[in-house]
Amino acid sequence: MKPSATLELQRHAIREATMRYQATNPRVFGSIVHGNDTDGSDLDLLVDPLP
């Protein structure tokens, strides 16, 4: 499954995990952003830690 499809299916879980681990502002970068992710691509996420 492409990471972009996983992201769509798991968006809520990613937001919940971000809050659980006291982070904010989850962002996606890499091949998904450019629209060229494949089944072998990874899912690149960046978050901001809360103080």
N, C-alpha and C. Protein backbone atom coordinates (compact mmCIF):
# COMPACT_ATOMS: atom_id res chain seq x y z
N MET A 1 0.85 -1.18 0.00
CA MET A 1 0.00 0.00 0.00
C MET A 1 0.89 1.24 0.00
N LYS A 2 0.53 2.19 -0.80
CA LYS A 2 1.27 3.45 -0.85
C LYS A 2 1.13 4.20 0.49
N PRO A 3 2.18 4.87 0.93
CA PRO A 3 2.09 5.66 2.15
C PRO A 3 0.99 6.72 2.10
N SER A 4 0.72 7.28 0.94
CA SER A 4 -0.34 8.29 0.84
C SER A 4 -1.70 7.68 1.18
N ALA A 5 -1.92 6.42 0.79
CA ALA A 5 -3.17 5.74 1.13
C ALA A 5 -3.23 5.45 2.63
N THR A 6 -2.11 5.02 3.19
CA THR A 6 -2.05 4.78 4.63
C THR A 6 -2.31 6.06 5.40
N LEU A 7 -1.74 7.15 4.94
CA LEU A 7 -1.95 8.44 5.59
C LEU A 7 -3.43 8.80 5.62
N GLU A 8 -4.11 8.61 4.51
CA GLU A 8 -5.54 8.93 4.47
C GLU A 8 -6.33 8.05 5.43
N LEU A 9 -5.97 6.77 5.51
CA LEU A 9 -6.69 5.84 6.39
C LEU A 9 -6.37 6.07 7.87
N GLN A 10 -5.16 6.52 8.17
CA GLN A 10 -4.70 6.62 9.55
C GLN A 10 -4.51 8.05 10.04
N ARG A 11 -5.05 9.01 9.34
CA ARG A 11 -4.87 10.42 9.70
C ARG A 11 -5.27 10.69 11.16
N HIS A 12 -6.41 10.15 11.57
CA HIS A 12 -6.88 10.38 12.94
C HIS A 12 -5.92 9.75 13.96
N ALA A 13 -5.43 8.56 13.69
CA ALA A 13 -4.50 7.88 14.60
C ALA A 13 -3.18 8.65 14.71
N ILE A 14 -2.74 9.24 13.62
CA ILE A 14 -1.51 10.04 13.64
C ILE A 14 -1.71 11.27 14.51
N ARG A 15 -2.85 11.91 14.39
CA ARG A 15 -3.14 13.08 15.24
C ARG A 15 -3.21 12.68 16.71
N GLU A 16 -3.84 11.55 17.00
CA GLU A 16 -3.93 11.08 18.38
C GLU A 16 -2.55 10.76 18.95
N ALA A 17 -1.70 10.11 18.17
CA ALA A 17 -0.35 9.79 18.62
C ALA A 17 0.46 11.06 18.85
N THR A 18 0.26 12.05 18.01
CA THR A 18 0.96 13.32 18.18
C THR A 18 0.61 13.94 19.52
N MET A 19 -0.66 13.94 19.87
CA MET A 19 -1.08 14.50 21.16
C MET A 19 -0.59 13.63 22.33
N ARG A 20 -0.67 12.31 22.17
CA ARG A 20 -0.27 11.39 23.24
C ARG A 20 1.21 11.57 23.59
N TYR A 21 2.04 11.83 22.60
CA TYR A 21 3.47 12.00 22.84
C TYR A 21 3.87 13.46 22.98
N GLN A 22 2.90 14.30 23.29
CA GLN A 22 3.10 15.71 23.59
C GLN A 22 3.86 16.43 22.48
N ALA A 23 3.33 16.33 21.30
CA ALA A 23 3.88 17.03 20.15
C ALA A 23 2.72 17.76 19.46
N THR A 24 3.05 18.56 18.50
CA THR A 24 2.04 19.33 17.79
C THR A 24 2.47 19.51 16.33
N ASN A 25 1.57 20.00 15.53
CA ASN A 25 1.85 20.38 14.15
C ASN A 25 2.45 19.25 13.31
N PRO A 26 1.78 18.08 13.22
CA PRO A 26 2.32 17.01 12.37
C PRO A 26 2.30 17.41 10.90
N ARG A 27 3.42 17.17 10.23
CA ARG A 27 3.55 17.52 8.82
C ARG A 27 4.15 16.35 8.05
N VAL A 28 3.75 16.23 6.81
CA VAL A 28 4.26 15.20 5.93
C VAL A 28 5.27 15.83 4.99
N PHE A 29 6.35 15.11 4.70
CA PHE A 29 7.32 15.59 3.71
C PHE A 29 7.82 14.39 2.90
N GLY A 30 8.57 14.66 1.89
CA GLY A 30 9.12 13.59 1.07
C GLY A 30 8.27 13.27 -0.15
N SER A 31 8.32 12.01 -0.56
CA SER A 31 7.69 11.60 -1.82
C SER A 31 6.18 11.80 -1.84
N ILE A 32 5.53 11.71 -0.68
CA ILE A 32 4.07 11.91 -0.65
C ILE A 32 3.72 13.32 -1.09
N VAL A 33 4.46 14.28 -0.59
CA VAL A 33 4.18 15.68 -0.92
C VAL A 33 4.33 15.92 -2.42
N HIS A 34 5.29 15.25 -3.02
CA HIS A 34 5.56 15.44 -4.45
C HIS A 34 4.67 14.56 -5.33
N GLY A 35 3.87 13.68 -4.68
CA GLY A 35 2.95 12.84 -5.44
C GLY A 35 3.60 11.68 -6.16
N ASN A 36 4.81 11.29 -5.73
CA ASN A 36 5.47 10.18 -6.41
C ASN A 36 5.83 9.05 -5.45
N ASP A 37 5.01 8.84 -4.40
CA ASP A 37 5.25 7.72 -3.50
C ASP A 37 4.83 6.41 -4.17
N THR A 38 5.49 5.34 -3.79
CA THR A 38 5.21 4.00 -4.31
C THR A 38 4.96 3.06 -3.14
N ASP A 39 4.63 1.82 -3.45
CA ASP A 39 4.42 0.83 -2.40
C ASP A 39 5.65 0.66 -1.51
N GLY A 40 6.82 0.92 -2.03
CA GLY A 40 8.06 0.77 -1.26
C GLY A 40 8.51 2.02 -0.54
N SER A 41 7.77 3.11 -0.68
CA SER A 41 8.14 4.38 -0.04
C SER A 41 7.84 4.34 1.45
N ASP A 42 8.55 5.19 2.19
CA ASP A 42 8.24 5.33 3.61
C ASP A 42 7.35 6.54 3.83
N LEU A 43 6.85 6.67 5.04
CA LEU A 43 5.97 7.79 5.40
C LEU A 43 6.79 8.73 6.27
N ASP A 44 7.12 9.89 5.75
CA ASP A 44 7.94 10.87 6.45
C ASP A 44 7.06 11.87 7.18
N LEU A 45 7.19 11.90 8.51
CA LEU A 45 6.43 12.83 9.33
C LEU A 45 7.38 13.68 10.16
N LEU A 46 7.00 14.93 10.35
CA LEU A 46 7.76 15.85 11.19
C LEU A 46 6.78 16.47 12.17
N VAL A 47 7.14 16.51 13.45
CA VAL A 47 6.29 17.12 14.47
C VAL A 47 7.12 18.10 15.28
N ASP A 48 6.43 19.02 15.95
CA ASP A 48 7.08 19.94 16.87
C ASP A 48 6.84 19.45 18.29
N PRO A 49 7.89 19.25 19.08
CA PRO A 49 7.69 18.82 20.47
C PRO A 49 7.16 19.98 21.30
N LEU A 50 6.30 19.65 22.26
CA LEU A 50 5.83 20.66 23.20
C LEU A 50 6.85 20.78 24.33
N PRO A 51 6.95 21.97 24.91
CA PRO A 51 7.93 22.14 26.01
C PRO A 51 7.56 21.32 27.24
